[in-house]
């Protein structure tokens, strides 16, 4: 039972991060993308592309928010 609760908390935390990160990206896509411009070349190239194409970045960030909401909604038990 305790392991199940910990798992649910970790999944909910992941959903929270997806939602928050997605909303930040929707507000300022260029700034938010460049904030994560570090690490391996693939990650840097991706952040550069997102920064150069804010409309595409907003679409990706909106999908990220939707995924986070979907995960969070599936975590909550149905209560009558």
N, C-alpha and C. Protein backbone atom coordinates (compact mmCIF):
# COMPACT_ATOMS: atom_id res chain seq x y z
N UNK A 1 0.83 -1.20 0.00
CA UNK A 1 0.00 0.00 0.00
C UNK A 1 0.86 1.26 0.00
N UNK A 2 1.94 1.24 0.81
CA UNK A 2 2.80 2.41 0.90
C UNK A 2 3.53 2.65 -0.43
N UNK A 3 3.96 1.58 -1.10
CA UNK A 3 4.63 1.70 -2.39
C UNK A 3 3.69 2.29 -3.43
N UNK A 4 2.43 1.88 -3.39
CA UNK A 4 1.44 2.40 -4.34
C UNK A 4 1.24 3.90 -4.13
N UNK A 5 1.20 4.33 -2.88
CA UNK A 5 1.03 5.75 -2.58
C UNK A 5 2.24 6.55 -3.06
N UNK A 6 3.42 6.03 -2.85
CA UNK A 6 4.64 6.72 -3.30
C UNK A 6 4.64 6.83 -4.83
N UNK A 7 4.26 5.75 -5.50
CA UNK A 7 4.19 5.76 -6.96
C UNK A 7 3.21 6.81 -7.45
N UNK A 8 2.04 6.88 -6.83
CA UNK A 8 1.04 7.88 -7.22
C UNK A 8 1.55 9.29 -7.01
N UNK A 9 2.29 9.51 -5.93
CA UNK A 9 2.83 10.84 -5.66
C UNK A 9 3.88 11.22 -6.71
N UNK A 10 4.71 10.27 -7.09
CA UNK A 10 5.73 10.55 -8.11
C UNK A 10 5.08 10.85 -9.45
N UNK A 11 4.05 10.09 -9.81
CA UNK A 11 3.34 10.34 -11.07
C UNK A 11 2.67 11.70 -11.03
N UNK A 12 2.07 12.05 -9.91
CA UNK A 12 1.43 13.36 -9.81
C UNK A 12 2.45 14.48 -9.87
N UNK A 13 3.60 14.27 -9.27
CA UNK A 13 4.67 15.27 -9.35
C UNK A 13 5.12 15.46 -10.80
N UNK A 14 5.22 14.35 -11.54
CA UNK A 14 5.58 14.44 -12.95
C UNK A 14 4.55 15.23 -13.74
N UNK A 15 3.26 14.98 -13.46
CA UNK A 15 2.19 15.72 -14.13
C UNK A 15 2.29 17.21 -13.79
N UNK A 16 2.57 17.52 -12.55
CA UNK A 16 2.70 18.90 -12.11
C UNK A 16 3.85 19.59 -12.85
N UNK A 17 4.97 18.91 -12.99
CA UNK A 17 6.11 19.47 -13.71
C UNK A 17 5.76 19.71 -15.18
N UNK A 18 5.09 18.74 -15.81
CA UNK A 18 4.69 18.91 -17.21
C UNK A 18 3.77 20.11 -17.39
N UNK A 19 2.79 20.24 -16.51
CA UNK A 19 1.85 21.35 -16.61
C UNK A 19 2.56 22.69 -16.40
N UNK A 20 3.36 22.77 -15.36
CA UNK A 20 4.06 24.02 -15.08
C UNK A 20 5.05 24.41 -16.16
N UNK A 21 5.82 23.44 -16.64
CA UNK A 21 6.79 23.71 -17.69
C UNK A 21 6.07 24.13 -18.98
N UNK A 22 4.97 23.44 -19.28
CA UNK A 22 4.21 23.79 -20.48
C UNK A 22 3.64 25.19 -20.42
N UNK A 23 3.12 25.57 -19.27
CA UNK A 23 2.56 26.92 -19.13
C UNK A 23 3.65 27.98 -19.25
N UNK A 24 4.80 27.73 -18.65
CA UNK A 24 5.91 28.68 -18.78
C UNK A 24 6.31 28.82 -20.25
N UNK A 25 6.31 27.70 -20.98
CA UNK A 25 6.65 27.74 -22.40
C UNK A 25 5.60 28.48 -23.22
N UNK A 26 4.34 28.37 -22.83
CA UNK A 26 3.28 29.09 -23.54
C UNK A 26 3.40 30.60 -23.33
N UNK A 27 3.80 31.01 -22.16
CA UNK A 27 3.91 32.43 -21.84
C UNK A 27 5.06 33.09 -22.60
N UNK A 28 6.24 32.48 -22.52
CA UNK A 28 7.44 33.03 -23.16
C UNK A 28 8.23 31.90 -23.81
N UNK A 29 7.82 31.47 -25.00
CA UNK A 29 8.44 30.29 -25.60
C UNK A 29 9.94 30.45 -25.89
N UNK A 30 10.34 31.59 -26.40
CA UNK A 30 11.76 31.79 -26.72
C UNK A 30 12.61 31.79 -25.47
N UNK A 31 12.23 32.58 -24.49
CA UNK A 31 12.98 32.67 -23.25
C UNK A 31 13.05 31.31 -22.54
N UNK A 32 11.90 30.63 -22.47
CA UNK A 32 11.85 29.35 -21.77
C UNK A 32 12.69 28.29 -22.49
N UNK A 33 12.65 28.29 -23.80
CA UNK A 33 13.45 27.32 -24.55
C UNK A 33 14.94 27.55 -24.33
N UNK A 34 15.37 28.80 -24.39
CA UNK A 34 16.79 29.11 -24.21
C UNK A 34 17.26 28.89 -22.77
N UNK A 35 16.33 28.90 -21.83
CA UNK A 35 16.68 28.63 -20.44
C UNK A 35 17.28 27.23 -20.31
N UNK A 36 16.83 26.31 -21.14
CA UNK A 36 17.27 24.91 -21.08
C UNK A 36 18.33 24.61 -22.14
N UNK A 37 19.02 25.63 -22.62
CA UNK A 37 20.04 25.48 -23.66
C UNK A 37 21.38 25.06 -23.03
N UNK A 38 21.50 23.78 -22.72
CA UNK A 38 22.75 23.23 -22.19
C UNK A 38 22.73 21.72 -22.40
N UNK A 39 23.84 21.08 -22.12
CA UNK A 39 23.89 19.63 -22.23
C UNK A 39 24.35 19.15 -23.58
N UNK A 40 23.93 17.94 -23.95
CA UNK A 40 24.36 17.34 -25.22
C UNK A 40 23.92 18.17 -26.43
N UNK A 41 24.62 17.98 -27.54
CA UNK A 41 24.34 18.75 -28.76
C UNK A 41 22.89 18.61 -29.21
N UNK A 42 22.31 17.43 -29.09
CA UNK A 42 20.92 17.22 -29.51
C UNK A 42 19.97 18.11 -28.71
N UNK A 43 20.20 18.22 -27.42
CA UNK A 43 19.35 19.07 -26.57
C UNK A 43 19.53 20.53 -26.94
N UNK A 44 20.76 20.96 -27.13
CA UNK A 44 21.02 22.35 -27.52
C UNK A 44 20.39 22.68 -28.87
N UNK A 45 20.49 21.76 -29.82
CA UNK A 45 19.89 21.99 -31.15
C UNK A 45 18.37 22.08 -31.04
N UNK A 46 17.78 21.25 -30.22
CA UNK A 46 16.32 21.29 -30.03
C UNK A 46 15.88 22.60 -29.42
N UNK A 47 16.58 23.06 -28.38
CA UNK A 47 16.19 24.32 -27.75
C UNK A 47 16.37 25.50 -28.70
N UNK A 48 17.40 25.45 -29.54
CA UNK A 48 17.59 26.51 -30.53
C UNK A 48 16.44 26.54 -31.52
N UNK A 49 16.02 25.38 -32.00
CA UNK A 49 14.90 25.29 -32.94
C UNK A 49 13.61 25.84 -32.30
N UNK A 50 13.37 25.45 -31.06
CA UNK A 50 12.17 25.94 -30.38
C UNK A 50 12.22 27.46 -30.20
N UNK A 51 13.40 27.98 -29.89
CA UNK A 51 13.54 29.43 -29.71
C UNK A 51 13.33 30.17 -31.03
N UNK A 52 13.76 29.57 -32.14
CA UNK A 52 13.62 30.22 -33.45
C UNK A 52 12.21 30.12 -34.01
N UNK A 53 11.41 29.18 -33.52
CA UNK A 53 10.05 28.97 -34.02
C UNK A 53 9.05 28.99 -32.86
N UNK A 54 8.71 30.18 -32.37
CA UNK A 54 7.85 30.27 -31.19
C UNK A 54 6.45 29.68 -31.38
N UNK A 55 5.90 29.74 -32.59
CA UNK A 55 4.56 29.17 -32.80
C UNK A 55 4.61 27.65 -32.66
N UNK A 56 5.63 27.04 -33.23
CA UNK A 56 5.79 25.59 -33.08
C UNK A 56 6.04 25.25 -31.62
N UNK A 57 6.88 26.05 -30.96
CA UNK A 57 7.18 25.81 -29.55
C UNK A 57 5.90 25.89 -28.71
N UNK A 58 5.05 26.87 -28.99
CA UNK A 58 3.80 26.98 -28.25
C UNK A 58 2.92 25.75 -28.45
N UNK A 59 2.91 25.22 -29.65
CA UNK A 59 2.15 24.00 -29.91
C UNK A 59 2.67 22.82 -29.10
N UNK A 60 3.98 22.70 -29.03
CA UNK A 60 4.59 21.63 -28.25
C UNK A 60 4.32 21.83 -26.77
N UNK A 61 4.43 23.06 -26.30
CA UNK A 61 4.17 23.34 -24.89
C UNK A 61 2.69 23.12 -24.54
N UNK A 62 1.79 23.43 -25.46
CA UNK A 62 0.37 23.16 -25.23
C UNK A 62 0.12 21.66 -25.12
N UNK A 63 0.78 20.88 -25.97
CA UNK A 63 0.66 19.42 -25.89
C UNK A 63 1.22 18.90 -24.56
N UNK A 64 2.28 19.52 -24.08
CA UNK A 64 2.87 19.15 -22.80
C UNK A 64 1.88 19.40 -21.65
N UNK A 65 1.21 20.55 -21.70
CA UNK A 65 0.20 20.85 -20.69
C UNK A 65 -0.93 19.82 -20.76
N UNK A 66 -1.39 19.53 -21.97
CA UNK A 66 -2.48 18.56 -22.14
C UNK A 66 -2.09 17.18 -21.60
N UNK A 67 -0.86 16.76 -21.86
CA UNK A 67 -0.39 15.48 -21.35
C UNK A 67 -0.35 15.48 -19.82
N UNK A 68 0.13 16.57 -19.24
CA UNK A 68 0.16 16.67 -17.78
C UNK A 68 -1.23 16.62 -17.18
N UNK A 69 -2.17 17.32 -17.79
CA UNK A 69 -3.56 17.31 -17.31
C UNK A 69 -4.16 15.90 -17.44
N UNK A 70 -3.87 15.23 -18.55
CA UNK A 70 -4.37 13.87 -18.75
C UNK A 70 -3.82 12.93 -17.68
N UNK A 71 -2.53 13.01 -17.43
CA UNK A 71 -1.93 12.16 -16.39
C UNK A 71 -2.53 12.46 -15.04
N UNK A 72 -2.65 13.74 -14.71
CA UNK A 72 -3.20 14.13 -13.40
C UNK A 72 -4.65 13.68 -13.26
N UNK A 73 -5.43 13.80 -14.32
CA UNK A 73 -6.84 13.43 -14.23
C UNK A 73 -7.01 11.92 -14.06
N UNK A 74 -6.09 11.16 -14.57
CA UNK A 74 -6.16 9.70 -14.42
C UNK A 74 -5.68 9.25 -13.05
N UNK A 75 -4.99 10.11 -12.34
CA UNK A 75 -4.52 9.80 -11.00
C UNK A 75 -5.59 9.97 -9.94
N UNK A 76 -6.55 10.82 -10.19
CA UNK A 76 -7.58 11.09 -9.19
C UNK A 76 -8.65 10.00 -9.24
N UNK A 77 -8.99 9.46 -8.09
CA UNK A 77 -10.04 8.44 -8.06
C UNK A 77 -11.41 9.05 -8.34
N UNK A 78 -12.29 8.26 -8.92
CA UNK A 78 -13.65 8.72 -9.16
C UNK A 78 -14.40 8.76 -7.83
N UNK A 79 -14.85 9.94 -7.46
CA UNK A 79 -15.59 10.12 -6.20
C UNK A 79 -17.00 10.60 -6.56
N UNK A 80 -18.01 9.86 -6.13
CA UNK A 80 -19.38 10.25 -6.47
C UNK A 80 -19.80 11.56 -5.82
